[in-house]
Amino acid sequence: MLGKITVVPDTPKNSTIFQVQLDSQQAPFPANADQTVLLSALAAGHALASSCRNGACRTCIFRLHSGRVTYRMEWPGLSAEEKAEGWFLPCVAYPATDLVMSAVD
């Protein structure tokens, strides 16, 4: 089952911490609900590829295998088909649950 992606408006501060599993070989890292998945990964020492950090360049595209992320913008740089297939952009995605994700093959 693929993860779920939804769009929500800017929300009040939330101090919830989720666990993100990046590929199967690495230990999970913590991700704050108020911080993008990319920033949480970088803070945990994972050097994810990124460029624009606003969802336009798609350099950071990942597959979401389980969990749910939210976006604070309507158009996060992905087509409806890509979102349905489980692709997401960590630079503009916020964790809403624990996540399991992997890089593009």
PDB file of N, CA and C in Angstrom:
ATOM      1  N   MET A   1       0.839  -1.180   0.000  1.00  0.00           N
ATOM      2  CA  MET A   1       0.000   0.000   0.000  1.00  0.00           C
ATOM      3  C   MET A   1       0.878   1.234   0.000  1.00  0.00           C
ATOM      4  N   LEU A   2       0.535   2.207  -0.811  1.00  0.00           N
ATOM      5  CA  LEU A   2       1.281   3.444  -0.874  1.00  0.00           C
ATOM      6  C   LEU A   2       0.816   4.393   0.208  1.00  0.00           C
ATOM      7  N   GLY A   3       1.679   5.344   0.564  1.00  0.00           N
ATOM      8  CA  GLY A   3       1.317   6.338   1.555  1.00  0.00           C
ATOM      9  C   GLY A   3       0.275   7.298   1.011  1.00  0.00           C
ATOM     10  N   LYS A   4      -0.283   8.103   1.890  1.00  0.00           N
ATOM     11  CA  LYS A   4      -1.326   9.049   1.508  1.00  0.00           C
ATOM     12  C   LYS A   4      -0.776  10.461   1.564  1.00  0.00           C
ATOM     13  N   ILE A   5      -1.133  11.265   0.563  1.00  0.00           N
ATOM     14  CA  ILE A   5      -0.687  12.641   0.473  1.00  0.00           C
ATOM     15  C   ILE A   5      -1.914  13.532   0.443  1.00  0.00           C
ATOM     16  N   THR A   6      -1.949  14.533   1.334  1.00  0.00           N
ATOM     17  CA  THR A   6      -3.064  15.465   1.359  1.00  0.00           C
ATOM     18  C   THR A   6      -2.539  16.892   1.417  1.00  0.00           C
ATOM     19  N   VAL A   7      -3.386  17.832   1.060  1.00  0.00           N
ATOM     20  CA  VAL A   7      -3.045  19.253   1.145  1.00  0.00           C
ATOM     21  C   VAL A   7      -3.850  19.853   2.279  1.00  0.00           C
ATOM     22  N   VAL A   8      -3.163  20.560   3.179  1.00  0.00           N
ATOM     23  CA  VAL A   8      -3.845  21.244   4.266  1.00  0.00           C
ATOM     24  C   VAL A   8      -3.326  22.675   4.321  1.00  0.00           C
ATOM     25  N   PRO A   9      -4.163  23.609   4.759  1.00  0.00           N
ATOM     26  CA  PRO A   9      -3.692  24.983   4.900  1.00  0.00           C
ATOM     27  C   PRO A   9      -2.685  25.074   6.036  1.00  0.00           C
ATOM     28  N   ASP A  10      -1.995  26.197   6.115  1.00  0.00           N
ATOM     29  CA  ASP A  10      -1.067  26.427   7.213  1.00  0.00           C
ATOM     30  C   ASP A  10      -1.760  26.106   8.529  1.00  0.00           C
ATOM     31  N   THR A  11      -1.082  25.358   9.376  1.00  0.00           N
ATOM     32  CA  THR A  11      -1.697  24.923  10.623  1.00  0.00           C
ATOM     33  C   THR A  11      -0.933  25.487  11.808  1.00  0.00           C
ATOM     34  N   PRO A  12      -1.558  25.521  12.975  1.00  0.00           N
ATOM     35  CA  PRO A  12      -0.861  25.987  14.172  1.00  0.00           C
ATOM     36  C   PRO A  12       0.333  25.094  14.488  1.00  0.00           C
ATOM     37  N   LYS A  13       1.241  25.597  15.281  1.00  0.00           N
ATOM     38  CA  LYS A  13       2.439  24.842  15.650  1.00  0.00           C
ATOM     39  C   LYS A  13       2.063  23.523  16.319  1.00  0.00           C
ATOM     40  N   ASN A  14       2.800  22.487  15.939  1.00  0.00           N
ATOM     41  CA  ASN A  14       2.547  21.144  16.429  1.00  0.00           C
ATOM     42  C   ASN A  14       3.899  20.547  16.781  1.00  0.00           C
ATOM     43  N   SER A  15       4.073  20.114  17.995  1.00  0.00           N
ATOM     44  CA  SER A  15       5.365  19.585  18.414  1.00  0.00           C
ATOM     45  C   SER A  15       5.450  18.061  18.301  1.00  0.00           C
ATOM     46  N   THR A  16       4.541  17.446  17.574  1.00  0.00           N
ATOM     47  CA  THR A  16       4.549  16.002  17.411  1.00  0.00           C
ATOM     48  C   THR A  16       5.781  15.567  16.623  1.00  0.00           C
ATOM     49  N   ILE A  17       6.423  14.515  17.095  1.00  0.00           N
ATOM     50  CA  ILE A  17       7.595  13.957  16.426  1.00  0.00           C
ATOM     51  C   ILE A  17       7.218  12.594  15.859  1.00  0.00           C
ATOM     52  N   PHE A  18       7.512  12.402  14.585  1.00  0.00           N
ATOM     53  CA  PHE A  18       7.279  11.126  13.919  1.00  0.00           C
ATOM     54  C   PHE A  18       8.613  10.484  13.576  1.00  0.00           C
ATOM     55  N   GLN A  19       8.580   9.201  13.252  1.00  0.00           N
ATOM     56  CA  GLN A  19       9.770   8.475  12.835  1.00  0.00           C
ATOM     57  C   GLN A  19       9.714   8.264  11.320  1.00  0.00           C
ATOM     58  N   VAL A  20      10.832   8.500  10.657  1.00  0.00           N
ATOM     59  CA  VAL A  20      10.907   8.335   9.208  1.00  0.00           C
ATOM     60  C   VAL A  20      11.958   7.281   8.888  1.00  0.00           C
ATOM     61  N   GLN A  21      11.528   6.247   8.202  1.00  0.00           N
ATOM     62  CA  GLN A  21      12.435   5.197   7.738  1.00  0.00           C
ATOM     63  C   GLN A  21      12.838   5.530   6.309  1.00  0.00           C
ATOM     64  N   LEU A  22      14.120   5.780   6.115  1.00  0.00           N
ATOM     65  CA  LEU A  22      14.657   6.131   4.807  1.00  0.00           C
ATOM     66  C   LEU A  22      15.372   4.917   4.253  1.00  0.00           C
ATOM     67  N   ASP A  23      14.823   4.315   3.207  1.00  0.00           N
ATOM     68  CA  ASP A  23      15.362   3.066   2.672  1.00  0.00           C
ATOM     69  C   ASP A  23      15.382   2.014   3.772  1.00  0.00           C
ATOM     70  N   SER A  24      15.642   0.803   3.444  1.00  0.00           N
ATOM     71  CA  SER A  24      15.545  -0.268   4.438  1.00  0.00           C
ATOM     72  C   SER A  24      16.818  -0.493   5.233  1.00  0.00           C
ATOM     73  N   GLN A  25      17.921   0.080   4.811  1.00  0.00           N
ATOM     74  CA  GLN A  25      19.206  -0.195   5.448  1.00  0.00           C
ATOM     75  C   GLN A  25      19.575   0.792   6.550  1.00  0.00           C
ATOM     76  N   GLN A  26      18.834   1.876   6.715  1.00  0.00           N
ATOM     77  CA  GLN A  26      19.207   2.906   7.673  1.00  0.00           C
ATOM     78  C   GLN A  26      18.231   2.949   8.840  1.00  0.00           C
ATOM     79  N   ALA A  27      18.743   3.427   9.972  1.00  0.00           N
ATOM     80  CA  ALA A  27      17.882   3.586  11.146  1.00  0.00           C
ATOM     81  C   ALA A  27      16.917   4.748  10.909  1.00  0.00           C
ATOM     82  N   PRO A  28      15.732   4.691  11.486  1.00  0.00           N
ATOM     83  CA  PRO A  28      14.783   5.799  11.331  1.00  0.00           C
ATOM     84  C   PRO A  28      15.330   7.087  11.940  1.00  0.00           C
ATOM     85  N   PHE A  29      14.835   8.215  11.454  1.00  0.00           N
ATOM     86  CA  PHE A  29      15.215   9.500  12.034  1.00  0.00           C
ATOM     87  C   PHE A  29      13.949  10.236  12.473  1.00  0.00           C
ATOM     88  N   PRO A  30      14.081  11.135  13.471  1.00  0.00           N
ATOM     89  CA  PRO A  30      12.912  11.873  13.950  1.00  0.00           C
ATOM     90  C   PRO A  30      12.552  13.006  12.999  1.00  0.00           C
ATOM     91  N   ALA A  31      11.249  13.250  12.849  1.00  0.00           N
ATOM     92  CA  ALA A  31      10.770  14.336  12.002  1.00  0.00           C
ATOM     93  C   ALA A  31       9.653  15.070  12.729  1.00  0.00           C
ATOM     94  N   ASN A  32       9.849  16.345  12.949  1.00  0.00           N
ATOM     95  CA  ASN A  32       8.854  17.171  13.621  1.00  0.00           C
ATOM     96  C   ASN A  32       7.730  17.504  12.646  1.00  0.00           C
ATOM     97  N   ALA A  33       6.509  17.482  13.108  1.00  0.00           N
ATOM     98  CA  ALA A  33       5.352  17.778  12.260  1.00  0.00           C
ATOM     99  C   ALA A  33       5.378  19.198  11.712  1.00  0.00           C
ATOM    100  N   ASP A  34       6.138  20.101  12.345  1.00  0.00           N
ATOM    101  CA  ASP A  34       6.223  21.495  11.902  1.00  0.00           C
ATOM    102  C   ASP A  34       7.405  21.763  10.986  1.00  0.00           C
ATOM    103  N   GLN A  35       8.117  20.727  10.602  1.00  0.00           N
ATOM    104  CA  GLN A  35       9.310  20.888   9.768  1.00  0.00           C
ATOM    105  C   GLN A  35       9.183  19.966   8.559  1.00  0.00           C
ATOM    106  N   THR A  36       9.663  20.417   7.408  1.00  0.00           N
ATOM    107  CA  THR A  36       9.578  19.549   6.234  1.00  0.00           C
ATOM    108  C   THR A  36      10.402  18.283   6.451  1.00  0.00           C
ATOM    109  N   VAL A  37      10.034  17.255   5.739  1.00  0.00           N
ATOM    110  CA  VAL A  37      10.764  15.991   5.817  1.00  0.00           C
ATOM    111  C   VAL A  37      12.227  16.207   5.418  1.00  0.00           C
ATOM    112  N   LEU A  38      12.464  17.038   4.412  1.00  0.00           N
ATOM    113  CA  LEU A  38      13.842  17.323   3.989  1.00  0.00           C
ATOM    114  C   LEU A  38      14.654  17.946   5.111  1.00  0.00           C
ATOM    115  N   LEU A  39      14.132  18.974   5.760  1.00  0.00           N
ATOM    116  CA  LEU A  39      14.879  19.623   6.837  1.00  0.00           C
ATOM    117  C   LEU A  39      15.120  18.674   8.004  1.00  0.00           C
ATOM    118  N   SER A  40      14.151  17.828   8.317  1.00  0.00           N
ATOM    119  CA  SER A  40      14.347  16.837   9.381  1.00  0.00           C
ATOM    120  C   SER A  40      15.432  15.838   8.999  1.00  0.00           C
ATOM    121  N   ALA A  41      15.436  15.403   7.737  1.00  0.00           N
ATOM    122  CA  ALA A  41      16.469  14.463   7.278  1.00  0.00           C
ATOM    123  C   ALA A  41      17.848  15.102   7.362  1.00  0.00           C
ATOM    124  N   LEU A  42      17.968  16.340   6.908  1.00  0.00           N
ATOM    125  CA  LEU A  42      19.264  17.032   6.963  1.00  0.00           C
ATOM    126  C   LEU A  42      19.719  17.211   8.406  1.00  0.00           C
ATOM    127  N   ALA A  43      18.787  17.553   9.302  1.00  0.00           N
ATOM    128  CA  ALA A  43      19.130  17.719  10.717  1.00  0.00           C
ATOM    129  C   ALA A  43      19.609  16.415  11.341  1.00  0.00           C
ATOM    130  N   ALA A  44      19.127  15.286  10.814  1.00  0.00           N
ATOM    131  CA  ALA A  44      19.524  13.972  11.325  1.00  0.00           C
ATOM    132  C   ALA A  44      20.785  13.436  10.642  1.00  0.00           C
ATOM    133  N   GLY A  45      21.371  14.232   9.744  1.00  0.00           N
ATOM    134  CA  GLY A  45      22.615  13.827   9.100  1.00  0.00           C
ATOM    135  C   GLY A  45      22.461  13.093   7.783  1.00  0.00           C
ATOM    136  N   HIS A  46      21.272  13.086   7.212  1.00  0.00           N
ATOM    137  CA  HIS A  46      21.041  12.425   5.919  1.00  0.00           C
ATOM    138  C   HIS A  46      21.128  13.472   4.816  1.00  0.00           C
ATOM    139  N   ALA A  47      22.055  13.310   3.920  1.00  0.00           N
ATOM    140  CA  ALA A  47      22.288  14.279   2.847  1.00  0.00           C
ATOM    141  C   ALA A  47      21.386  13.980   1.654  1.00  0.00           C
ATOM    142  N   LEU A  48      20.114  14.342   1.753  1.00  0.00           N
ATOM    143  CA  LEU A  48      19.194  14.144   0.640  1.00  0.00           C
ATOM    144  C   LEU A  48      19.454  15.200  -0.422  1.00  0.00           C
ATOM    145  N   ALA A  49      19.352  14.805  -1.677  1.00  0.00           N
ATOM    146  CA  ALA A  49      19.521  15.758  -2.776  1.00  0.00           C
ATOM    147  C   ALA A  49      18.388  16.774  -2.732  1.00  0.00           C
ATOM    148  N   SER A  50      18.729  18.032  -2.957  1.00  0.00           N
ATOM    149  CA  SER A  50      17.713  19.087  -3.029  1.00  0.00           C
ATOM    150  C   SER A  50      18.315  20.276  -3.759  1.00  0.00           C
ATOM    151  N   SER A  51      17.446  21.154  -4.222  1.00  0.00           N
ATOM    152  CA  SER A  51      17.922  22.337  -4.917  1.00  0.00           C
ATOM    153  C   SER A  51      17.060  23.536  -4.558  1.00  0.00           C
ATOM    154  N   CYS A  52      15.836  23.575  -5.050  1.00  0.00           N
ATOM    155  CA  CYS A  52      15.002  24.772  -4.905  1.00  0.00           C
ATOM    156  C   CYS A  52      14.357  24.907  -3.528  1.00  0.00           C
ATOM    157  N   ARG A  53      14.031  23.805  -2.908  1.00  0.00           N
ATOM    158  CA  ARG A  53      13.333  23.741  -1.622  1.00  0.00           C
ATOM    159  C   ARG A  53      11.946  24.374  -1.639  1.00  0.00           C
ATOM    160  N   ASN A  54      11.343  24.471  -2.832  1.00  0.00           N
ATOM    161  CA  ASN A  54       9.971  24.978  -2.902  1.00  0.00           C
ATOM    162  C   ASN A  54       9.080  24.105  -3.785  1.00  0.00           C
ATOM    163  N   GLY A  55       9.552  22.909  -4.148  1.00  0.00           N
ATOM    164  CA  GLY A  55       8.738  21.961  -4.896  1.00  0.00           C
ATOM    165  C   GLY A  55       8.776  22.109  -6.396  1.00  0.00           C
ATOM    166  N   ALA A  56       9.578  23.022  -6.915  1.00  0.00           N
ATOM    167  CA  ALA A  56       9.582  23.269  -8.359  1.00  0.00           C
ATOM    168  C   ALA A  56      10.568  22.395  -9.136  1.00  0.00           C
ATOM    169  N   CYS A  57      11.730  22.129  -8.585  1.00  0.00           N
ATOM    170  CA  CYS A  57      12.779  21.450  -9.362  1.00  0.00           C
ATOM    171  C   CYS A  57      12.656  19.932  -9.354  1.00  0.00           C
ATOM    172  N   ARG A  58      12.023  19.366  -8.341  1.00  0.00           N
ATOM    173  CA  ARG A  58      11.795  17.924  -8.207  1.00  0.00           C
ATOM    174  C   ARG A  58      13.075  17.127  -7.938  1.00  0.00           C
ATOM    175  N   THR A  59      14.150  17.786  -7.578  1.00  0.00           N
ATOM    176  CA  THR A  59      15.406  17.100  -7.279  1.00  0.00           C
ATOM    177  C   THR A  59      15.249  16.119  -6.119  1.00  0.00           C
ATOM    178  N   CYS A  60      14.398  16.437  -5.168  1.00  0.00           N
ATOM    179  CA  CYS A  60      14.266  15.624  -3.952  1.00  0.00           C
ATOM    180  C   CYS A  60      13.157  14.580  -4.017  1.00  0.00           C
ATOM    181  N   ILE A  61      12.641  14.266  -5.182  1.00  0.00           N
ATOM    182  CA  ILE A  61      11.502  13.349  -5.280  1.00  0.00           C
ATOM    183  C   ILE A  61      11.819  11.981  -4.656  1.00  0.00           C
ATOM    184  N   PHE A  62      10.883  11.481  -3.852  1.00  0.00           N
ATOM    185  CA  PHE A  62      10.993  10.195  -3.166  1.00  0.00           C
ATOM    186  C   PHE A  62       9.677   9.454  -3.303  1.00  0.00           C
ATOM    187  N   ARG A  63       9.728   8.150  -3.068  1.00  0.00           N
ATOM    188  CA  ARG A  63       8.522   7.318  -3.039  1.00  0.00           C
ATOM    189  C   ARG A  63       8.110   7.160  -1.579  1.00  0.00           C
ATOM    190  N   LEU A  64       6.839   7.398  -1.301  1.00  0.00           N
ATOM    191  CA  LEU A  64       6.280   7.202   0.031  1.00  0.00           C
ATOM    192  C   LEU A  64       5.600   5.841   0.055  1.00  0.00           C
ATOM    193  N   HIS A  65       6.165   4.903   0.809  1.00  0.00           N
ATOM    194  CA  HIS A  65       5.633   3.541   0.867  1.00  0.00           C
ATOM    195  C   HIS A  65       4.536   3.390   1.907  1.00  0.00           C
ATOM    196  N   SER A  66       4.686   4.100   3.006  1.00  0.00           N
ATOM    197  CA  SER A  66       3.629   4.081   4.019  1.00  0.00           C
ATOM    198  C   SER A  66       3.692   5.367   4.828  1.00  0.00           C
ATOM    199  N   GLY A  67       2.558   5.695   5.406  1.00  0.00           N
ATOM    200  CA  GLY A  67       2.453   6.925   6.167  1.00  0.00           C
ATOM    201  C   GLY A  67       1.702   7.985   5.386  1.00  0.00           C
ATOM    202  N   ARG A  68       1.665   9.179   5.958  1.00  0.00           N
ATOM    203  CA  ARG A  68       0.925  10.280   5.342  1.00  0.00           C
ATOM    204  C   ARG A  68       1.704  11.575   5.509  1.00  0.00           C
ATOM    205  N   VAL A  69       1.786  12.351   4.439  1.00  0.00           N
ATOM    206  CA  VAL A  69       2.385  13.683   4.486  1.00  0.00           C
ATOM    207  C   VAL A  69       1.341  14.709   4.081  1.00  0.00           C
ATOM    208  N   THR A  70       1.574  15.936   4.475  1.00  0.00           N
ATOM    209  CA  THR A  70       0.709  17.036   4.077  1.00  0.00           C
ATOM    210  C   THR A  70       1.553  18.100   3.396  1.00  0.00           C
ATOM    211  N   TYR A  71       0.900  18.887   2.582  1.00  0.00           N
ATOM    212  CA  TYR A  71       1.534  20.029   1.920  1.00  0.00           C
ATOM    213  C   TYR A  71       0.794  21.285   2.354  1.00  0.00           C
ATOM    214  N   ARG A  72       1.494  22.376   2.441  1.00  0.00           N
ATOM    215  CA  ARG A  72       0.871  23.650   2.789  1.00  0.00           C
ATOM    216  C   ARG A  72       0.659  24.511   1.549  1.00  0.00           C
ATOM    217  N   MET A  73       0.726  23.863   0.390  1.00  0.00           N
ATOM    218  CA  MET A  73       0.460  24.529  -0.876  1.00  0.00           C
ATOM    219  C   MET A  73      -0.390  23.588  -1.723  1.00  0.00           C
ATOM    220  N   GLU A  74      -1.167  24.130  -2.612  1.00  0.00           N
ATOM    221  CA  GLU A  74      -2.064  23.304  -3.433  1.00  0.00           C
ATOM    222  C   GLU A  74      -1.312  22.502  -4.483  1.00  0.00           C
ATOM    223  N   TRP A  75      -0.288  23.082  -5.068  1.00  0.00           N
ATOM    224  CA  TRP A  75       0.418  22.426  -6.171  1.00  0.00           C
ATOM    225  C   TRP A  75       1.875  22.205  -5.785  1.00  0.00           C
ATOM    226  N   PRO A  76       2.218  21.046  -5.235  1.00  0.00           N
ATOM    227  CA  PRO A  76       3.587  20.825  -4.771  1.00  0.00           C
ATOM    228  C   PRO A  76       4.537  20.296  -5.839  1.00  0.00           C
ATOM    229  N   GLY A  77       4.297  20.552  -7.113  1.00  0.00           N
ATOM    230  CA  GLY A  77       5.241  20.136  -8.149  1.00  0.00           C
ATOM    231  C   GLY A  77       5.083  18.709  -8.630  1.00  0.00           C
ATOM    232  N   LEU A  78       3.976  18.075  -8.316  1.00  0.00           N
ATOM    233  CA  LEU A  78       3.706  16.704  -8.749  1.00  0.00           C
ATOM    234  C   LEU A  78       2.364  16.635  -9.460  1.00  0.00           C
ATOM    235  N   SER A  79       2.273  15.768 -10.446  1.00  0.00           N
ATOM    236  CA  SER A  79       0.986  15.552 -11.103  1.00  0.00           C
ATOM    237  C   SER A  79       0.097  14.700 -10.199  1.00  0.00           C
ATOM    238  N   ALA A  80      -1.189  14.708 -10.477  1.00  0.00           N
ATOM    239  CA  ALA A  80      -2.125  13.870  -9.716  1.00  0.00           C
ATOM    240  C   ALA A  80      -1.742  12.400  -9.830  1.00  0.00           C
ATOM    241  N   GLU A  81      -1.277  11.986 -11.006  1.00  0.00           N
ATOM    242  CA  GLU A  81      -0.865  10.592 -11.213  1.00  0.00           C
ATOM    243  C   GLU A  81       0.351  10.248 -10.356  1.00  0.00           C
ATOM    244  N   GLU A  82       1.319  11.163 -10.297  1.00  0.00           N
ATOM    245  CA  GLU A  82       2.507  10.908  -9.476  1.00  0.00           C
ATOM    246  C   GLU A  82       2.138  10.799  -8.004  1.00  0.00           C
ATOM    247  N   LYS A  83       1.275  11.679  -7.534  1.00  0.00           N
ATOM    248  CA  LYS A  83       0.838  11.595  -6.138  1.00  0.00           C
ATOM    249  C   LYS A  83       0.117  10.271  -5.883  1.00  0.00           C
ATOM    250  N   ALA A  84      -0.734   9.858  -6.816  1.00  0.00           N
ATOM    251  CA  ALA A  84      -1.463   8.597  -6.678  1.00  0.00           C
ATOM    252  C   ALA A  84      -0.511   7.401  -6.661  1.00  0.00           C
ATOM    253  N   GLU A  85       0.617   7.522  -7.345  1.00  0.00           N
ATOM    254  CA  GLU A  85       1.623   6.450  -7.374  1.00  0.00           C
ATOM    255  C   GLU A  85       2.531   6.478  -6.144  1.00  0.00           C
ATOM    256  N   GLY A  86       2.353   7.457  -5.266  1.00  0.00           N
ATOM    257  CA  GLY A  86       3.119   7.504  -4.027  1.00  0.00           C
ATOM    258  C   GLY A  86       4.350   8.383  -4.049  1.00  0.00           C
ATOM    259  N   TRP A  87       4.554   9.166  -5.095  1.00  0.00           N
ATOM    260  CA  TRP A  87       5.707  10.073  -5.128  1.00  0.00           C
ATOM    261  C   TRP A  87       5.415  11.298  -4.273  1.00  0.00           C
ATOM    262  N   PHE A  88       6.459  11.834  -3.632  1.00  0.00           N
ATOM    263  CA  PHE A  88       6.284  13.064  -2.871  1.00  0.00           C
ATOM    264  C   PHE A  88       7.586  13.853  -2.864  1.00  0.00           C
ATOM    265  N   LEU A  89       7.496  15.118  -2.491  1.00  0.00           N
ATOM    266  CA  LEU A  89       8.651  16.022  -2.472  1.00  0.00           C
ATOM    267  C   LEU A  89       8.952  16.405  -1.026  1.00  0.00           C
ATOM    268  N   PRO A  90       9.986  15.806  -0.429  1.00  0.00           N
ATOM    269  CA  PRO A  90      10.313  16.068   0.967  1.00  0.00           C
ATOM    270  C   PRO A  90      10.594  17.538   1.294  1.00  0.00           C
ATOM    271  N   CYS A  91      10.978  18.331   0.292  1.00  0.00           N
ATOM    272  CA  CYS A  91      11.302  19.738   0.561  1.00  0.00           C
ATOM    273  C   CYS A  91      10.073  20.561   0.935  1.00  0.00           C
ATOM    274  N   VAL A  92       8.884  20.099   0.571  1.00  0.00           N
ATOM    275  CA  VAL A  92       7.659  20.837   0.882  1.00  0.00           C
ATOM    276  C   VAL A  92       6.616  19.970   1.593  1.00  0.00           C
ATOM    277  N   ALA A  93       6.989  18.747   1.952  1.00  0.00           N
ATOM    278  CA  ALA A  93       6.069  17.815   2.613  1.00  0.00           C
ATOM    279  C   ALA A  93       6.332  17.791   4.120  1.00  0.00           C
ATOM    280  N   TYR A  94       5.257  17.781   4.878  1.00  0.00           N
ATOM    281  CA  TYR A  94       5.332  17.707   6.333  1.00  0.00           C
ATOM    282  C   TYR A  94       4.792  16.355   6.777  1.00  0.00           C
ATOM    283  N   PRO A  95       5.477  15.678   7.700  1.00  0.00           N
ATOM    284  CA  PRO A  95       4.974  14.374   8.140  1.00  0.00           C
ATOM    285  C   PRO A  95       3.700  14.532   8.967  1.00  0.00           C
ATOM    286  N   ALA A  96       2.737  13.657   8.718  1.00  0.00           N
ATOM    287  CA  ALA A  96       1.506  13.629   9.505  1.00  0.00           C
ATOM    288  C   ALA A  96       1.402  12.319  10.281  1.00  0.00           C
ATOM    289  N   THR A  97       2.288  11.364   9.960  1.00  0.00           N
ATOM    290  CA  THR A  97       2.380  10.072  10.638  1.00  0.00           C
ATOM    291  C   THR A  97       3.831   9.622  10.510  1.00  0.00           C
ATOM    292  N   ASP A  98       4.155   8.461  11.076  1.00  0.00           N
ATOM    293  CA  ASP A  98       5.443   7.840  10.785  1.00  0.00           C
ATOM    294  C   ASP A  98       5.477   7.536   9.296  1.00  0.00           C
ATOM    295  N   LEU A  99       6.671   7.600   8.681  1.00  0.00           N
ATOM    296  CA  LEU A  99       6.808   7.413   7.245  1.00  0.00           C
ATOM    297  C   LEU A  99       7.824   6.343   6.901  1.00  0.00           C
ATOM    298  N   VAL A 100       7.615   5.675   5.784  1.00  0.00           N
ATOM    299  CA  VAL A 100       8.625   4.815   5.161  1.00  0.00           C
ATOM    300  C   VAL A 100       8.758   5.325   3.733  1.00  0.00           C
ATOM    301  N   MET A 101       9.987   5.714   3.365  1.00  0.00           N
ATOM    302  CA  MET A 101      10.219   6.320   2.057  1.00  0.00           C
ATOM    303  C   MET A 101      11.489   5.773   1.435  1.00  0.00           C
ATOM    304  N   SER A 102      11.593   5.870   0.117  1.00  0.00           N
ATOM    305  CA  SER A 102      12.815   5.438  -0.564  1.00  0.00           C
ATOM    306  C   SER A 102      13.118   6.358  -1.731  1.00  0.00           C
ATOM    307  N   ALA A 103      14.379   6.412  -2.088  1.00  0.00           N
ATOM    308  CA  ALA A 103      14.840   7.252  -3.192  1.00  0.00           C
ATOM    309  C   ALA A 103      14.414   6.665  -4.532  1.00  0.00           C
ATOM    310  N   VAL A 104      14.465   7.495  -5.540  1.00  0.00           N
ATOM    311  CA  VAL A 104      14.185   7.071  -6.904  1.00  0.00           C
ATOM    312  C   VAL A 104      15.242   6.056  -7.311  1.00  0.00           C
ATOM    313  N   ASP A 105      14.809   4.961  -7.944  1.00  0.00           N
ATOM    314  CA  ASP A 105      15.761   3.931  -8.379  1.00  0.00           C
ATOM    315  C   ASP A 105      16.537   4.387  -9.587  1.00  0.00           C
TER     316      ASP A 105
END
